[in-house]
């Protein structure tokens, strides 16, 4: 349910950054939230054709968080939420 909300609301946007133009049409993926609590969020990525991802050169995922004051706000007032537009780039292992 949380995964669907984050996708539909645009609260988490994920962009594949390919290392090269080879096999772009075969690098489709889906993602879902596998763990969420007030201290962390864990995302699972499922590639349709993983054998075409990070071949010879490392592809990356750019993950950006929006609407964080609503969708990813911590329950504990002592913790701060992820900043609006916060972005991480993760390298995808071969």
C-alpha atoms as a PDB file:
ATOM      1  CA  UNK A   1       0.000   0.000   0.000  1.00  0.00           C
ATOM      2  CA  UNK A   2       2.804   2.441   0.899  1.00  0.00           C
ATOM      3  CA  UNK A   3       4.615   1.662  -2.365  1.00  0.00           C
ATOM      4  CA  UNK A   4       1.514   2.498  -4.416  1.00  0.00           C
ATOM      5  CA  UNK A   5       0.975   5.747  -2.513  1.00  0.00           C
ATOM      6  CA  UNK A   6       4.594   6.841  -2.968  1.00  0.00           C
ATOM      7  CA  UNK A   7       4.435   6.099  -6.711  1.00  0.00           C
ATOM      8  CA  UNK A   8       1.066   7.762  -7.352  1.00  0.00           C
ATOM      9  CA  UNK A   9       1.834  10.854  -5.271  1.00  0.00           C
ATOM     10  CA  UNK A  10       5.262  11.302  -6.863  1.00  0.00           C
ATOM     11  CA  UNK A  11       6.812  11.214  -3.400  1.00  0.00           C
ATOM     12  CA  UNK A  12       9.621   8.936  -4.594  1.00  0.00           C
ATOM     13  CA  UNK A  13      10.937   9.329  -8.126  1.00  0.00           C
ATOM     14  CA  UNK A  14      13.482   6.885  -9.487  1.00  0.00           C
ATOM     15  CA  UNK A  15      15.461   7.369 -12.674  1.00  0.00           C
ATOM     16  CA  UNK A  16      17.808   4.848 -14.248  1.00  0.00           C
ATOM     17  CA  UNK A  17      21.107   6.430 -15.288  1.00  0.00           C
ATOM     18  CA  UNK A  18      22.614   4.018 -17.809  1.00  0.00           C
ATOM     19  CA  UNK A  19      26.380   3.837 -18.184  1.00  0.00           C
ATOM     20  CA  UNK A  20      25.869   3.570 -21.954  1.00  0.00           C
ATOM     21  CA  UNK A  21      23.096   3.300 -24.517  1.00  0.00           C
ATOM     22  CA  UNK A  22      23.376  -0.471 -24.980  1.00  0.00           C
ATOM     23  CA  UNK A  23      20.220  -2.496 -24.275  1.00  0.00           C
ATOM     24  CA  UNK A  24      18.236   0.443 -22.840  1.00  0.00           C
ATOM     25  CA  UNK A  25      14.962  -1.217 -23.832  1.00  0.00           C
ATOM     26  CA  UNK A  26      15.866  -4.230 -21.674  1.00  0.00           C
ATOM     27  CA  UNK A  27      16.599  -2.313 -18.466  1.00  0.00           C
ATOM     28  CA  UNK A  28      13.016  -1.889 -17.251  1.00  0.00           C
ATOM     29  CA  UNK A  29      12.470  -2.266 -13.536  1.00  0.00           C
ATOM     30  CA  UNK A  30       9.869  -1.998 -10.817  1.00  0.00           C
ATOM     31  CA  UNK A  31      10.364  -1.097  -7.180  1.00  0.00           C
ATOM     32  CA  UNK A  32       8.589  -1.506  -3.879  1.00  0.00           C
ATOM     33  CA  UNK A  33       9.037  -0.621  -0.229  1.00  0.00           C
ATOM     34  CA  UNK A  34      10.122  -3.671   1.769  1.00  0.00           C
ATOM     35  CA  UNK A  35      10.718  -1.956   5.101  1.00  0.00           C
ATOM     36  CA  UNK A  36       9.551   1.337   6.535  1.00  0.00           C
ATOM     37  CA  UNK A  37       9.815   2.710  10.038  1.00  0.00           C
ATOM     38  CA  UNK A  38      10.552   6.079  11.558  1.00  0.00           C
ATOM     39  CA  UNK A  39      14.304   5.602  11.138  1.00  0.00           C
ATOM     40  CA  UNK A  40      14.617   4.055   7.664  1.00  0.00           C
ATOM     41  CA  UNK A  41      13.054   3.089   4.387  1.00  0.00           C
ATOM     42  CA  UNK A  42      14.216   0.115   2.316  1.00  0.00           C
ATOM     43  CA  UNK A  43      13.439  -0.188  -1.386  1.00  0.00           C
ATOM     44  CA  UNK A  44      13.569  -3.396  -3.437  1.00  0.00           C
ATOM     45  CA  UNK A  45      14.303  -3.149  -7.173  1.00  0.00           C
ATOM     46  CA  UNK A  46      13.267  -5.890  -9.580  1.00  0.00           C
ATOM     47  CA  UNK A  47      14.743  -5.741 -13.079  1.00  0.00           C
ATOM     48  CA  UNK A  48      12.918  -7.569 -15.881  1.00  0.00           C
ATOM     49  CA  UNK A  49      16.238  -8.543 -17.492  1.00  0.00           C
ATOM     50  CA  UNK A  50      18.962  -8.255 -14.838  1.00  0.00           C
ATOM     51  CA  UNK A  51      21.530  -9.773 -17.176  1.00  0.00           C
ATOM     52  CA  UNK A  52      21.520  -6.482 -19.149  1.00  0.00           C
ATOM     53  CA  UNK A  53      22.085  -4.220 -16.150  1.00  0.00           C
ATOM     54  CA  UNK A  54      25.603  -2.932 -15.388  1.00  0.00           C
ATOM     55  CA  UNK A  55      27.243  -4.968 -18.136  1.00  0.00           C
ATOM     56  CA  UNK A  56      30.852  -3.818 -18.726  1.00  0.00           C
ATOM     57  CA  UNK A  57      30.037  -0.467 -17.055  1.00  0.00           C
ATOM     58  CA  UNK A  58      28.076   0.338 -13.906  1.00  0.00           C
ATOM     59  CA  UNK A  59      24.530   1.722 -14.271  1.00  0.00           C
ATOM     60  CA  UNK A  60      23.049   3.863 -11.484  1.00  0.00           C
ATOM     61  CA  UNK A  61      19.682   4.755  -9.988  1.00  0.00           C
ATOM     62  CA  UNK A  62      18.874   8.338  -9.011  1.00  0.00           C
ATOM     63  CA  UNK A  63      16.330   8.292  -6.171  1.00  0.00           C
ATOM     64  CA  UNK A  64      14.631  11.563  -5.171  1.00  0.00           C
ATOM     65  CA  UNK A  65      12.180  12.150  -2.310  1.00  0.00           C
ATOM     66  CA  UNK A  66       9.322  14.678  -2.412  1.00  0.00           C
ATOM     67  CA  UNK A  67       6.335  15.513  -0.164  1.00  0.00           C
ATOM     68  CA  UNK A  68       8.484  14.254   2.692  1.00  0.00           C
ATOM     69  CA  UNK A  69       6.676  16.301   5.328  1.00  0.00           C
ATOM     70  CA  UNK A  70       3.584  14.152   4.630  1.00  0.00           C
ATOM     71  CA  UNK A  71       4.677  10.785   3.307  1.00  0.00           C
ATOM     72  CA  UNK A  72       7.995  10.169   5.072  1.00  0.00           C
ATOM     73  CA  UNK A  73       7.705  12.175   8.289  1.00  0.00           C
ATOM     74  CA  UNK A  74       9.083  10.394  11.370  1.00  0.00           C
ATOM     75  CA  UNK A  75       6.726   9.562  14.221  1.00  0.00           C
ATOM     76  CA  UNK A  76       9.273  10.607  16.838  1.00  0.00           C
ATOM     77  CA  UNK A  77       9.581  14.380  17.236  1.00  0.00           C
ATOM     78  CA  UNK A  78      13.273  13.897  18.078  1.00  0.00           C
ATOM     79  CA  UNK A  79      14.036  12.729  14.534  1.00  0.00           C
ATOM     80  CA  UNK A  80      14.111  14.947  11.456  1.00  0.00           C
ATOM     81  CA  UNK A  81      12.495  14.010   8.173  1.00  0.00           C
ATOM     82  CA  UNK A  82      14.208  13.631   4.813  1.00  0.00           C
ATOM     83  CA  UNK A  83      14.585  17.034   3.198  1.00  0.00           C
ATOM     84  CA  UNK A  84      12.333  17.958   0.264  1.00  0.00           C
ATOM     85  CA  UNK A  85      14.035  16.959  -2.984  1.00  0.00           C
ATOM     86  CA  UNK A  86      16.677  14.896  -1.202  1.00  0.00           C
ATOM     87  CA  UNK A  87      18.448  12.770  -3.825  1.00  0.00           C
ATOM     88  CA  UNK A  88      20.772   9.797  -3.651  1.00  0.00           C
ATOM     89  CA  UNK A  89      22.547   8.067  -6.509  1.00  0.00           C
ATOM     90  CA  UNK A  90      23.092   4.333  -6.071  1.00  0.00           C
ATOM     91  CA  UNK A  91      25.367   2.259  -8.269  1.00  0.00           C
ATOM     92  CA  UNK A  92      23.793  -1.001  -9.461  1.00  0.00           C
ATOM     93  CA  UNK A  93      26.103  -3.980  -9.062  1.00  0.00           C
ATOM     94  CA  UNK A  94      26.526  -6.301 -12.059  1.00  0.00           C
END
